[in-house]
């Protein structure tokens, strides 16, 4: 029985793939690099995310990337606003009603994440929120130790190889959604315990339907 869910934010709860792409292309353009398509982004996406930028802008520092992203992401949201992925707000509130403990661990910057969470009406849903986490494996280890979660009662839900690999490396149940930053065929290669195509599928697994 799953009693604890640790969620990634972007590409899982936050429907921001195209917004993220717009911000990425803003950064690439800053360095004179050709814009990429959403298909290219999903194919090339790798985390920790500095490894993704390294493919296009060698030697780009984390500090410089974050400096540019703080400018690029709000501008991208003016062009393509973010939203809670359809159906996820309903699923999250059902999990809350079922007394399932939920935590966010995200590489998103806190100003962006907390603002989006408030806009989506999700304040009070999560017991803790960890933002600006570059290496999710370390973050998961800290969460499991702090909260003494049983590994076989805890699932980490993400949308990329990094999240699935991180969850597996600490012995958790892993789930991957197909509506995020990597395609289903790529996610299948790393064999998460579950692949979710819709929030309803996620509901059914978590609530044992």
N, C-alpha and C. Protein backbone atom coordinates (compact mmCIF):
# COMPACT_ATOMS: atom_id res chain seq x y z
N UNK A 1 0.84 -1.20 0.00
CA UNK A 1 0.00 0.00 0.00
C UNK A 1 0.88 1.25 0.00
N UNK A 2 0.57 2.18 -0.87
CA UNK A 2 1.33 3.42 -0.95
C UNK A 2 0.78 4.44 0.04
N UNK A 3 1.64 4.88 0.95
CA UNK A 3 1.25 5.86 1.96
C UNK A 3 1.88 7.23 1.73
N UNK A 4 2.95 7.26 0.92
CA UNK A 4 3.68 8.51 0.71
C UNK A 4 3.98 8.68 -0.78
N UNK A 5 3.77 9.90 -1.27
CA UNK A 5 4.11 10.21 -2.66
C UNK A 5 5.06 11.40 -2.67
N UNK A 6 6.16 11.22 -3.37
CA UNK A 6 7.07 12.33 -3.62
C UNK A 6 6.95 12.68 -5.11
N UNK A 7 6.58 13.90 -5.39
CA UNK A 7 6.36 14.34 -6.76
C UNK A 7 7.48 15.26 -7.24
N UNK A 8 7.87 15.09 -8.50
CA UNK A 8 8.52 16.17 -9.22
C UNK A 8 7.42 17.19 -9.55
N UNK A 9 7.82 18.42 -9.87
CA UNK A 9 6.83 19.46 -10.15
C UNK A 9 6.65 19.68 -11.65
N UNK A 10 7.69 20.18 -12.33
CA UNK A 10 7.57 20.51 -13.75
C UNK A 10 7.44 19.25 -14.59
N UNK A 11 6.45 19.27 -15.48
CA UNK A 11 6.22 18.12 -16.34
C UNK A 11 5.41 17.02 -15.71
N UNK A 12 5.08 17.18 -14.42
CA UNK A 12 4.26 16.18 -13.71
C UNK A 12 2.97 16.83 -13.24
N UNK A 13 3.09 17.76 -12.31
CA UNK A 13 1.93 18.52 -11.84
C UNK A 13 1.79 19.79 -12.67
N UNK A 14 2.90 20.45 -12.90
CA UNK A 14 2.91 21.70 -13.66
C UNK A 14 3.03 21.39 -15.15
N UNK A 15 2.01 21.77 -15.91
CA UNK A 15 2.00 21.55 -17.35
C UNK A 15 2.76 22.71 -18.02
N UNK A 16 4.08 22.55 -18.12
CA UNK A 16 4.91 23.66 -18.57
C UNK A 16 5.98 23.25 -19.58
N UNK A 17 5.72 22.18 -20.30
CA UNK A 17 6.74 21.69 -21.25
C UNK A 17 7.01 22.75 -22.32
N UNK A 18 5.97 23.31 -22.92
CA UNK A 18 6.17 24.30 -23.97
C UNK A 18 6.68 25.62 -23.40
N UNK A 19 6.26 25.94 -22.19
CA UNK A 19 6.80 27.13 -21.53
C UNK A 19 8.28 26.94 -21.26
N UNK A 20 8.65 25.77 -20.77
CA UNK A 20 10.04 25.46 -20.52
C UNK A 20 10.88 25.52 -21.78
N UNK A 21 10.32 25.00 -22.88
CA UNK A 21 11.03 25.04 -24.16
C UNK A 21 11.29 26.48 -24.59
N UNK A 22 10.29 27.34 -24.41
CA UNK A 22 10.44 28.75 -24.77
C UNK A 22 11.55 29.40 -23.96
N UNK A 23 11.61 29.07 -22.67
CA UNK A 23 12.66 29.61 -21.81
C UNK A 23 14.03 29.07 -22.21
N UNK A 24 14.09 27.79 -22.53
CA UNK A 24 15.35 27.19 -22.98
C UNK A 24 15.86 27.87 -24.24
N UNK A 25 14.95 28.10 -25.19
CA UNK A 25 15.36 28.76 -26.44
C UNK A 25 15.79 30.20 -26.22
N UNK A 26 15.23 30.84 -25.22
CA UNK A 26 15.68 32.19 -24.85
C UNK A 26 17.16 32.13 -24.43
N UNK A 27 17.49 31.13 -23.63
CA UNK A 27 18.87 30.99 -23.14
C UNK A 27 19.81 30.62 -24.29
N UNK A 28 19.38 29.68 -25.15
CA UNK A 28 20.21 29.28 -26.28
C UNK A 28 20.46 30.47 -27.21
N UNK A 29 19.41 31.25 -27.45
CA UNK A 29 19.54 32.43 -28.32
C UNK A 29 20.54 33.42 -27.74
N UNK A 30 20.56 33.54 -26.42
CA UNK A 30 21.51 34.45 -25.76
C UNK A 30 22.94 34.11 -26.13
N UNK A 31 23.21 32.83 -26.35
CA UNK A 31 24.56 32.38 -26.68
C UNK A 31 24.74 32.13 -28.18
N UNK A 32 23.77 32.56 -28.98
CA UNK A 32 23.88 32.41 -30.42
C UNK A 32 23.66 31.00 -30.92
N UNK A 33 22.98 30.17 -30.11
CA UNK A 33 22.71 28.79 -30.48
C UNK A 33 21.32 28.70 -31.12
N UNK A 34 21.20 27.90 -32.16
CA UNK A 34 19.94 27.73 -32.87
C UNK A 34 18.86 27.18 -31.94
N UNK A 35 17.64 27.69 -32.10
CA UNK A 35 16.51 27.19 -31.30
C UNK A 35 16.25 25.72 -31.59
N UNK A 36 15.70 25.03 -30.61
CA UNK A 36 15.37 23.61 -30.78
C UNK A 36 13.86 23.43 -30.73
N UNK A 37 13.39 22.31 -31.26
CA UNK A 37 11.96 21.97 -31.24
C UNK A 37 11.63 21.20 -29.98
N UNK A 38 10.34 21.04 -29.72
CA UNK A 38 9.94 20.27 -28.54
C UNK A 38 10.40 18.82 -28.67
N UNK A 39 10.39 18.29 -29.90
CA UNK A 39 10.86 16.91 -30.11
C UNK A 39 12.34 16.78 -29.79
N UNK A 40 13.12 17.78 -30.22
CA UNK A 40 14.55 17.78 -29.92
C UNK A 40 14.80 17.90 -28.43
N UNK A 41 14.03 18.76 -27.78
CA UNK A 41 14.20 18.93 -26.34
C UNK A 41 13.93 17.62 -25.60
N UNK A 42 12.83 16.97 -25.94
CA UNK A 42 12.49 15.72 -25.26
C UNK A 42 13.52 14.63 -25.53
N UNK A 43 14.07 14.64 -26.74
CA UNK A 43 15.08 13.63 -27.08
C UNK A 43 16.40 13.88 -26.36
N UNK A 44 16.76 15.15 -26.22
CA UNK A 44 18.05 15.51 -25.64
C UNK A 44 18.00 15.76 -24.14
N UNK A 45 16.83 15.83 -23.56
CA UNK A 45 16.72 16.22 -22.15
C UNK A 45 17.45 15.24 -21.24
N UNK A 46 18.20 15.79 -20.34
CA UNK A 46 18.94 14.98 -19.37
C UNK A 46 19.05 15.78 -18.08
N UNK A 47 19.05 15.08 -16.98
CA UNK A 47 19.21 15.72 -15.68
C UNK A 47 20.31 15.00 -14.89
N UNK A 48 20.92 15.73 -13.95
CA UNK A 48 20.69 17.11 -13.56
C UNK A 48 20.78 18.05 -14.77
N UNK A 49 19.90 19.07 -14.78
CA UNK A 49 19.71 19.86 -15.99
C UNK A 49 20.94 20.61 -16.50
N UNK A 50 21.97 20.90 -15.67
CA UNK A 50 23.17 21.49 -16.27
C UNK A 50 23.78 20.61 -17.36
N UNK A 51 23.56 19.29 -17.28
CA UNK A 51 24.08 18.39 -18.30
C UNK A 51 23.38 18.60 -19.64
N UNK A 52 22.11 19.01 -19.58
CA UNK A 52 21.37 19.31 -20.82
C UNK A 52 21.98 20.53 -21.51
N UNK A 53 22.18 21.60 -20.75
CA UNK A 53 22.73 22.82 -21.34
C UNK A 53 24.16 22.62 -21.84
N UNK A 54 24.88 21.72 -21.19
CA UNK A 54 26.26 21.44 -21.59
C UNK A 54 26.34 20.96 -23.03
N UNK A 55 25.28 20.31 -23.50
CA UNK A 55 25.26 19.82 -24.88
C UNK A 55 25.28 20.96 -25.90
N UNK A 56 24.70 22.07 -25.52
CA UNK A 56 24.54 23.20 -26.44
C UNK A 56 25.48 24.36 -26.13
N UNK A 57 25.76 24.58 -24.86
CA UNK A 57 26.61 25.69 -24.43
C UNK A 57 27.65 25.14 -23.47
N UNK A 58 28.75 24.61 -24.00
CA UNK A 58 29.79 24.05 -23.13
C UNK A 58 30.30 25.09 -22.13
N UNK A 59 30.54 24.62 -20.91
CA UNK A 59 31.11 25.45 -19.85
C UNK A 59 30.14 26.51 -19.30
N UNK A 60 28.86 26.37 -19.62
CA UNK A 60 27.87 27.26 -19.01
C UNK A 60 27.76 26.92 -17.53
N UNK A 61 27.98 27.89 -16.67
CA UNK A 61 27.93 27.62 -15.23
C UNK A 61 26.49 27.57 -14.74
N UNK A 62 26.28 26.87 -13.63
CA UNK A 62 24.96 26.81 -13.03
C UNK A 62 24.49 28.21 -12.66
N UNK A 63 25.39 29.02 -12.14
CA UNK A 63 25.02 30.38 -11.72
C UNK A 63 24.53 31.22 -12.90
N UNK A 64 25.22 31.13 -14.02
CA UNK A 64 24.82 31.89 -15.21
C UNK A 64 23.51 31.36 -15.77
N UNK A 65 23.35 30.04 -15.80
CA UNK A 65 22.09 29.46 -16.30
C UNK A 65 20.92 29.93 -15.45
N UNK A 66 21.07 29.90 -14.13
CA UNK A 66 19.98 30.32 -13.26
C UNK A 66 19.70 31.81 -13.38
N UNK A 67 20.75 32.59 -13.58
CA UNK A 67 20.57 34.03 -13.78
C UNK A 67 19.70 34.30 -15.02
N UNK A 68 20.01 33.60 -16.12
CA UNK A 68 19.24 33.77 -17.34
C UNK A 68 17.84 33.19 -17.22
N UNK A 69 17.73 32.04 -16.52
CA UNK A 69 16.43 31.38 -16.40
C UNK A 69 15.45 32.23 -15.59
N UNK A 70 15.96 32.95 -14.60
CA UNK A 70 15.10 33.83 -13.81
C UNK A 70 14.45 34.90 -14.67
N UNK A 71 15.12 35.28 -15.74
CA UNK A 71 14.57 36.25 -16.68
C UNK A 71 13.70 35.54 -17.72
N UNK A 72 14.21 34.42 -18.24
CA UNK A 72 13.57 33.74 -19.37
C UNK A 72 12.22 33.12 -19.02
N UNK A 73 12.12 32.49 -17.86
CA UNK A 73 10.90 31.74 -17.53
C UNK A 73 9.69 32.65 -17.37
N UNK A 74 9.78 33.75 -16.62
CA UNK A 74 8.62 34.66 -16.55
C UNK A 74 8.23 35.23 -17.91
N UNK A 75 9.23 35.50 -18.76
CA UNK A 75 8.92 35.99 -20.09
C UNK A 75 8.23 34.91 -20.92
N UNK A 76 8.68 33.67 -20.77
CA UNK A 76 8.07 32.55 -21.50
C UNK A 76 6.62 32.35 -21.06
N UNK A 77 6.34 32.56 -19.77
CA UNK A 77 4.97 32.38 -19.26
C UNK A 77 4.01 33.42 -19.82
N UNK A 78 4.54 34.56 -20.25
CA UNK A 78 3.68 35.57 -20.89
C UNK A 78 3.24 35.10 -22.27
N UNK A 79 4.08 34.28 -22.90
CA UNK A 79 3.78 33.77 -24.23
C UNK A 79 2.94 32.49 -24.14
N UNK A 80 3.38 31.58 -23.29
CA UNK A 80 2.67 30.30 -23.09
C UNK A 80 2.47 30.12 -21.58
N UNK A 81 1.34 30.53 -21.05
CA UNK A 81 1.11 30.41 -19.61
C UNK A 81 1.13 28.94 -19.16
N UNK A 82 1.61 28.73 -17.96
CA UNK A 82 1.59 27.38 -17.38
C UNK A 82 0.21 27.12 -16.78
N UNK A 83 -0.05 25.87 -16.45
CA UNK A 83 -1.30 25.47 -15.79
C UNK A 83 -1.03 24.17 -15.05
N UNK A 84 -1.92 23.85 -14.14
CA UNK A 84 -1.88 22.52 -13.53
C UNK A 84 -2.31 21.52 -14.59
N UNK A 85 -1.55 20.44 -14.74
CA UNK A 85 -1.91 19.47 -15.76
C UNK A 85 -3.34 18.98 -15.53
N UNK A 86 -4.19 19.00 -16.57
CA UNK A 86 -5.61 18.65 -16.40
C UNK A 86 -5.82 17.32 -15.69
N UNK A 87 -6.58 17.37 -14.61
CA UNK A 87 -6.88 16.19 -13.82
C UNK A 87 -5.98 15.99 -12.62
N UNK A 88 -4.82 16.63 -12.61
CA UNK A 88 -3.90 16.44 -11.49
C UNK A 88 -4.41 17.09 -10.22
N UNK A 89 -5.05 18.25 -10.34
CA UNK A 89 -5.57 18.90 -9.12
C UNK A 89 -6.63 18.04 -8.46
N UNK A 90 -7.45 17.38 -9.26
CA UNK A 90 -8.48 16.48 -8.71
C UNK A 90 -7.82 15.29 -8.02
N UNK A 91 -6.84 14.70 -8.67
CA UNK A 91 -6.14 13.53 -8.10
C UNK A 91 -5.46 13.90 -6.79
N UNK A 92 -4.79 15.05 -6.76
CA UNK A 92 -4.07 15.47 -5.56
C UNK A 92 -5.02 15.66 -4.38
N UNK A 93 -6.17 16.23 -4.63
CA UNK A 93 -7.13 16.45 -3.54
C UNK A 93 -7.72 15.13 -3.05
N UNK A 94 -7.88 14.16 -3.95
CA UNK A 94 -8.32 12.83 -3.52
C UNK A 94 -7.26 12.16 -2.65
N UNK A 95 -6.00 12.31 -3.03
CA UNK A 95 -4.92 11.74 -2.22
C UNK A 95 -4.87 12.39 -0.84
N UNK A 96 -5.07 13.68 -0.81
CA UNK A 96 -5.10 14.41 0.47
C UNK A 96 -6.23 13.90 1.35
N UNK A 97 -7.40 13.70 0.75
CA UNK A 97 -8.56 13.19 1.50
C UNK A 97 -8.31 11.78 2.02
N UNK A 98 -7.45 11.04 1.32
CA UNK A 98 -7.14 9.66 1.72
C UNK A 98 -5.97 9.62 2.71
N UNK A 99 -5.54 10.79 3.20
CA UNK A 99 -4.45 10.90 4.18
C UNK A 99 -3.12 10.37 3.66
N UNK A 100 -2.91 10.52 2.37
CA UNK A 100 -1.61 10.16 1.80
C UNK A 100 -0.69 11.36 1.94
N UNK A 101 0.49 11.13 2.47
CA UNK A 101 1.45 12.20 2.64
C UNK A 101 2.10 12.53 1.31
N UNK A 102 2.16 13.83 0.96
CA UNK A 102 2.71 14.24 -0.33
C UNK A 102 3.76 15.32 -0.15
N UNK A 103 4.87 15.15 -0.88
CA UNK A 103 6.00 16.07 -0.83
C UNK A 103 6.42 16.40 -2.26
N UNK A 104 6.86 17.62 -2.47
CA UNK A 104 7.41 18.03 -3.76
C UNK A 104 8.93 18.11 -3.65
N UNK A 105 9.62 17.58 -4.66
CA UNK A 105 11.06 17.81 -4.79
C UNK A 105 11.30 18.24 -6.24
N UNK A 106 11.85 19.44 -6.41
CA UNK A 106 11.91 20.02 -7.74
C UNK A 106 13.20 20.82 -7.93
N UNK A 107 13.65 20.86 -9.17
CA UNK A 107 14.78 21.73 -9.51
C UNK A 107 14.33 23.15 -9.80
N UNK A 108 13.01 23.38 -9.82
CA UNK A 108 12.48 24.71 -10.09
C UNK A 108 12.91 25.71 -9.02
N UNK A 109 13.07 26.94 -9.43
CA UNK A 109 13.41 27.99 -8.48
C UNK A 109 12.20 28.30 -7.61
N UNK A 110 12.41 28.62 -6.32
CA UNK A 110 11.29 28.74 -5.38
C UNK A 110 10.26 29.79 -5.78
N UNK A 111 10.67 30.94 -6.30
CA UNK A 111 9.71 31.96 -6.68
C UNK A 111 8.74 31.46 -7.74
N UNK A 112 9.27 30.71 -8.71
CA UNK A 112 8.42 30.17 -9.76
C UNK A 112 7.48 29.11 -9.20
N UNK A 113 8.05 28.16 -8.46
CA UNK A 113 7.27 27.02 -7.98
C UNK A 113 6.15 27.45 -7.04
N UNK A 114 6.47 28.25 -6.03
CA UNK A 114 5.46 28.61 -5.04
C UNK A 114 4.38 29.51 -5.64
N UNK A 115 4.77 30.34 -6.61
CA UNK A 115 3.77 31.16 -7.28
C UNK A 115 2.80 30.32 -8.08
N UNK A 116 3.32 29.33 -8.79
CA UNK A 116 2.46 28.44 -9.57
C UNK A 116 1.56 27.62 -8.66
N UNK A 117 2.11 27.13 -7.58
CA UNK A 117 1.32 26.33 -6.64
C UNK A 117 0.13 27.12 -6.11
N UNK A 118 0.36 28.37 -5.78
CA UNK A 118 -0.72 29.22 -5.29
C UNK A 118 -1.76 29.46 -6.39
N UNK A 119 -1.29 29.73 -7.61
CA UNK A 119 -2.20 29.98 -8.73
C UNK A 119 -3.09 28.78 -9.02
N UNK A 120 -2.58 27.57 -8.78
CA UNK A 120 -3.34 26.36 -9.07
C UNK A 120 -4.23 25.93 -7.90
N UNK A 121 -4.22 26.70 -6.82
CA UNK A 121 -5.05 26.35 -5.66
C UNK A 121 -4.55 25.13 -4.92
N UNK A 122 -3.24 24.93 -4.88
CA UNK A 122 -2.66 23.73 -4.27
C UNK A 122 -1.95 24.00 -2.95
N UNK A 123 -2.08 25.19 -2.42
CA UNK A 123 -1.50 25.46 -1.10
C UNK A 123 -2.16 24.57 -0.06
N UNK A 124 -1.35 23.99 0.83
CA UNK A 124 -1.89 23.12 1.87
C UNK A 124 -1.99 21.66 1.47
N UNK A 125 -1.70 21.35 0.21
CA UNK A 125 -1.78 19.96 -0.26
C UNK A 125 -0.54 19.18 0.17
N UNK A 126 0.62 19.81 0.10
CA UNK A 126 1.89 19.12 0.32
C UNK A 126 2.44 19.41 1.71
N UNK A 127 2.96 18.38 2.34
CA UNK A 127 3.50 18.56 3.69
C UNK A 127 4.83 19.29 3.67
N UNK A 128 5.58 19.14 2.56
CA UNK A 128 6.84 19.86 2.42
C UNK A 128 7.12 20.07 0.94
N UNK A 129 7.86 21.13 0.66
CA UNK A 129 8.26 21.42 -0.72
C UNK A 129 9.76 21.71 -0.73
N UNK A 130 10.50 20.94 -1.52
CA UNK A 130 11.92 21.15 -1.69
C UNK A 130 12.13 21.71 -3.10
N UNK A 131 12.61 22.95 -3.20
CA UNK A 131 12.84 23.57 -4.50
C UNK A 131 14.33 23.75 -4.74
N UNK A 132 14.67 24.08 -5.99
CA UNK A 132 16.06 24.33 -6.38
C UNK A 132 16.97 23.14 -6.06
N UNK A 133 16.45 21.92 -6.26
CA UNK A 133 17.21 20.70 -6.02
C UNK A 133 17.79 20.23 -7.35
N UNK A 134 19.08 20.29 -7.50
CA UNK A 134 19.71 19.91 -8.77
C UNK A 134 19.85 18.38 -8.86
N UNK A 135 20.29 17.74 -7.80
CA UNK A 135 20.48 16.29 -7.78
C UNK A 135 19.37 15.67 -6.93
N UNK A 136 18.40 15.04 -7.58
CA UNK A 136 17.23 14.52 -6.86
C UNK A 136 17.57 13.29 -6.02
N UNK A 137 18.61 12.54 -6.40
CA UNK A 137 18.99 11.37 -5.60
C UNK A 137 19.35 11.81 -4.18
N UNK A 138 20.16 12.83 -4.05
CA UNK A 138 20.53 13.33 -2.73
C UNK A 138 19.31 13.83 -1.99
N UNK A 139 18.45 14.53 -2.70
CA UNK A 139 17.24 15.06 -2.07
C UNK A 139 16.34 13.95 -1.55
N UNK A 140 16.18 12.89 -2.32
CA UNK A 140 15.35 11.77 -1.88
C UNK A 140 15.94 11.08 -0.64
N UNK A 141 17.24 10.92 -0.63
CA UNK A 141 17.89 10.31 0.53
C UNK A 141 17.60 11.12 1.79
N UNK A 142 17.68 12.44 1.67
CA UNK A 142 17.41 13.31 2.82
C UNK A 142 15.96 13.19 3.29
N UNK A 143 15.03 13.15 2.33
CA UNK A 143 13.61 13.05 2.67
C UNK A 143 13.31 11.72 3.37
N UNK A 144 13.81 10.64 2.82
CA UNK A 144 13.56 9.31 3.40
C UNK A 144 14.12 9.22 4.81
N UNK A 145 15.30 9.78 5.02
CA UNK A 145 15.92 9.75 6.34
C UNK A 145 15.14 10.63 7.32
N UNK A 146 14.81 11.83 6.90
CA UNK A 146 14.12 12.78 7.78
C UNK A 146 12.76 12.26 8.22
N UNK A 147 12.00 11.71 7.28
CA UNK A 147 10.61 11.31 7.57
C UNK A 147 10.47 9.83 7.93
N UNK A 148 11.56 9.09 7.78
CA UNK A 148 11.53 7.65 8.08
C UNK A 148 10.43 6.93 7.29
N UNK A 149 10.33 7.29 6.01
CA UNK A 149 9.36 6.63 5.14
C UNK A 149 9.83 5.21 4.83
N UNK A 150 8.91 4.26 4.84
CA UNK A 150 9.21 2.91 4.39
C UNK A 150 9.34 2.93 2.87
N UNK A 151 10.41 2.33 2.37
CA UNK A 151 10.67 2.39 0.93
C UNK A 151 9.55 1.75 0.11
N UNK A 152 8.99 0.65 0.63
CA UNK A 152 7.97 -0.06 -0.13
C UNK A 152 6.59 0.57 0.02
N UNK A 153 6.49 1.67 0.76
CA UNK A 153 5.23 2.42 0.89
C UNK A 153 5.33 3.81 0.28
N UNK A 154 6.45 4.06 -0.41
CA UNK A 154 6.73 5.40 -0.92
C UNK A 154 7.04 5.35 -2.40
N UNK A 155 6.36 6.19 -3.18
CA UNK A 155 6.59 6.25 -4.62
C UNK A 155 7.09 7.63 -5.01
N UNK A 156 8.05 7.66 -5.91
CA UNK A 156 8.54 8.91 -6.48
C UNK A 156 8.03 8.99 -7.92
N UNK A 157 7.32 10.07 -8.22
CA UNK A 157 6.71 10.23 -9.53
C UNK A 157 7.37 11.39 -10.26
N UNK A 158 7.98 11.06 -11.40
CA UNK A 158 8.64 12.08 -12.21
C UNK A 158 8.30 11.90 -13.67
N UNK A 159 9.07 12.58 -14.52
CA UNK A 159 8.82 12.50 -15.96
C UNK A 159 10.10 12.31 -16.76
N UNK A 160 11.21 12.00 -16.07
CA UNK A 160 12.49 11.85 -16.77
C UNK A 160 13.28 10.66 -16.22
N UNK A 161 14.31 10.29 -16.98
CA UNK A 161 15.24 9.24 -16.53
C UNK A 161 15.81 9.55 -15.16
N UNK A 162 16.18 10.80 -14.94
CA UNK A 162 16.83 11.18 -13.69
C UNK A 162 15.96 10.86 -12.50
N UNK A 163 14.66 11.17 -12.60
CA UNK A 163 13.77 10.89 -11.47
C UNK A 163 13.63 9.38 -11.24
N UNK A 164 13.44 8.63 -12.31
CA UNK A 164 13.29 7.18 -12.16
C UNK A 164 14.58 6.57 -11.61
N UNK A 165 15.72 6.95 -12.18
CA UNK A 165 17.00 6.44 -11.70
C UNK A 165 17.24 6.81 -10.24
N UNK A 166 16.88 8.05 -9.88
CA UNK A 166 17.07 8.50 -8.50
C UNK A 166 16.21 7.69 -7.54
N UNK A 167 14.96 7.47 -7.90
CA UNK A 167 14.07 6.67 -7.05
C UNK A 167 14.55 5.24 -6.90
N UNK A 168 14.99 4.65 -8.00
CA UNK A 168 15.50 3.28 -7.95
C UNK A 168 16.74 3.18 -7.09
N UNK A 169 17.60 4.18 -7.19
CA UNK A 169 18.89 4.12 -6.49
C UNK A 169 18.72 4.14 -4.98
N UNK A 170 17.60 4.69 -4.50
CA UNK A 170 17.37 4.70 -3.05
C UNK A 170 16.34 3.66 -2.63
N UNK A 171 15.92 2.82 -3.57
CA UNK A 171 15.07 1.68 -3.23
C UNK A 171 13.59 1.97 -3.14
N UNK A 172 13.13 3.08 -3.74
CA UNK A 172 11.71 3.43 -3.70
C UNK A 172 10.96 2.81 -4.87
N UNK A 173 9.64 2.84 -4.77
CA UNK A 173 8.79 2.56 -5.92
C UNK A 173 8.91 3.76 -6.86
N UNK A 174 8.89 3.51 -8.17
CA UNK A 174 9.04 4.60 -9.13
C UNK A 174 7.88 4.63 -10.12
N UNK A 175 7.48 5.85 -10.48
CA UNK A 175 6.45 6.04 -11.48
C UNK A 175 6.85 7.16 -12.42
N UNK A 176 6.51 7.01 -13.69
CA UNK A 176 6.83 8.03 -14.69
C UNK A 176 5.58 8.41 -15.45
N UNK A 177 5.36 9.72 -15.61
CA UNK A 177 4.23 10.20 -16.40
C UNK A 177 4.70 10.48 -17.82
N UNK A 178 3.78 10.32 -18.77
CA UNK A 178 4.15 10.43 -20.19
C UNK A 178 3.89 11.81 -20.76
N UNK A 179 3.38 12.74 -19.93
CA UNK A 179 3.03 14.07 -20.46
C UNK A 179 4.10 15.13 -20.16
N UNK A 180 5.30 14.69 -19.76
CA UNK A 180 6.32 15.64 -19.34
C UNK A 180 7.45 15.85 -20.34
N UNK A 181 8.67 15.93 -19.82
CA UNK A 181 9.83 16.35 -20.61
C UNK A 181 10.51 15.21 -21.36
N UNK A 182 10.07 13.96 -21.17
CA UNK A 182 10.62 12.86 -21.97
C UNK A 182 9.50 11.99 -22.50
N UNK A 183 9.75 11.39 -23.66
CA UNK A 183 8.75 10.56 -24.32
C UNK A 183 8.62 9.19 -23.67
N UNK A 184 7.46 8.58 -23.89
CA UNK A 184 7.19 7.28 -23.27
C UNK A 184 8.21 6.22 -23.67
N UNK A 185 8.61 6.21 -24.95
CA UNK A 185 9.55 5.18 -25.39
C UNK A 185 10.89 5.29 -24.67
N UNK A 186 11.29 6.52 -24.36
CA UNK A 186 12.54 6.72 -23.61
C UNK A 186 12.37 6.30 -22.15
N UNK A 187 11.22 6.60 -21.59
CA UNK A 187 10.96 6.23 -20.19
C UNK A 187 10.90 4.72 -20.02
N UNK A 188 10.37 4.02 -21.00
CA UNK A 188 10.27 2.56 -20.90
C UNK A 188 11.64 1.89 -20.80
N UNK A 189 12.65 2.53 -21.37
CA UNK A 189 13.99 1.94 -21.39
C UNK A 189 14.58 1.78 -20.00
N UNK A 190 14.09 2.59 -19.03
CA UNK A 190 14.66 2.50 -17.69
C UNK A 190 13.74 1.78 -16.71
N UNK A 191 12.64 1.24 -17.24
CA UNK A 191 11.76 0.33 -16.48
C UNK A 191 11.28 0.87 -15.13
N UNK A 192 10.55 1.98 -15.14
CA UNK A 192 9.92 2.39 -13.88
C UNK A 192 8.89 1.34 -13.46
N UNK A 193 8.54 1.32 -12.20
CA UNK A 193 7.53 0.35 -11.74
C UNK A 193 6.18 0.61 -12.39
N UNK A 194 5.89 1.88 -12.64
CA UNK A 194 4.62 2.25 -13.27
C UNK A 194 4.87 3.33 -14.32
N UNK A 195 4.12 3.25 -15.41
CA UNK A 195 4.06 4.35 -16.38
C UNK A 195 2.61 4.82 -16.43
N UNK A 196 2.43 6.11 -16.23
CA UNK A 196 1.09 6.69 -16.17
C UNK A 196 0.84 7.55 -17.40
N UNK A 197 -0.26 7.25 -18.09
CA UNK A 197 -0.63 8.02 -19.28
C UNK A 197 -1.63 9.12 -18.96
N UNK A 198 -2.33 8.98 -17.85
CA UNK A 198 -3.31 9.98 -17.44
C UNK A 198 -3.32 10.09 -15.91
N UNK A 199 -3.76 11.21 -15.37
CA UNK A 199 -3.91 11.30 -13.91
C UNK A 199 -4.87 10.27 -13.35
N UNK A 200 -5.86 9.83 -14.13
CA UNK A 200 -6.80 8.80 -13.66
C UNK A 200 -6.06 7.48 -13.43
N UNK A 201 -5.14 7.14 -14.31
CA UNK A 201 -4.33 5.92 -14.09
C UNK A 201 -3.53 6.04 -12.80
N UNK A 202 -3.01 7.22 -12.55
CA UNK A 202 -2.26 7.47 -11.32
C UNK A 202 -3.17 7.28 -10.11
N UNK A 203 -4.35 7.86 -10.17
CA UNK A 203 -5.34 7.70 -9.09
C UNK A 203 -5.61 6.23 -8.80
N UNK A 204 -5.85 5.47 -9.85
CA UNK A 204 -6.23 4.07 -9.69
C UNK A 204 -5.14 3.26 -8.99
N UNK A 205 -3.89 3.55 -9.32
CA UNK A 205 -2.78 2.82 -8.68
C UNK A 205 -2.63 3.26 -7.22
N UNK A 206 -2.61 4.55 -6.97
CA UNK A 206 -2.38 5.06 -5.62
C UNK A 206 -3.51 4.66 -4.68
N UNK A 207 -4.73 4.75 -5.16
CA UNK A 207 -5.89 4.47 -4.30
C UNK A 207 -6.32 3.01 -4.37
N UNK A 208 -5.58 2.19 -5.14
CA UNK A 208 -5.85 0.75 -5.17
C UNK A 208 -7.15 0.37 -5.84
N UNK A 209 -7.54 1.14 -6.86
CA UNK A 209 -8.80 0.83 -7.55
C UNK A 209 -8.60 -0.25 -8.59
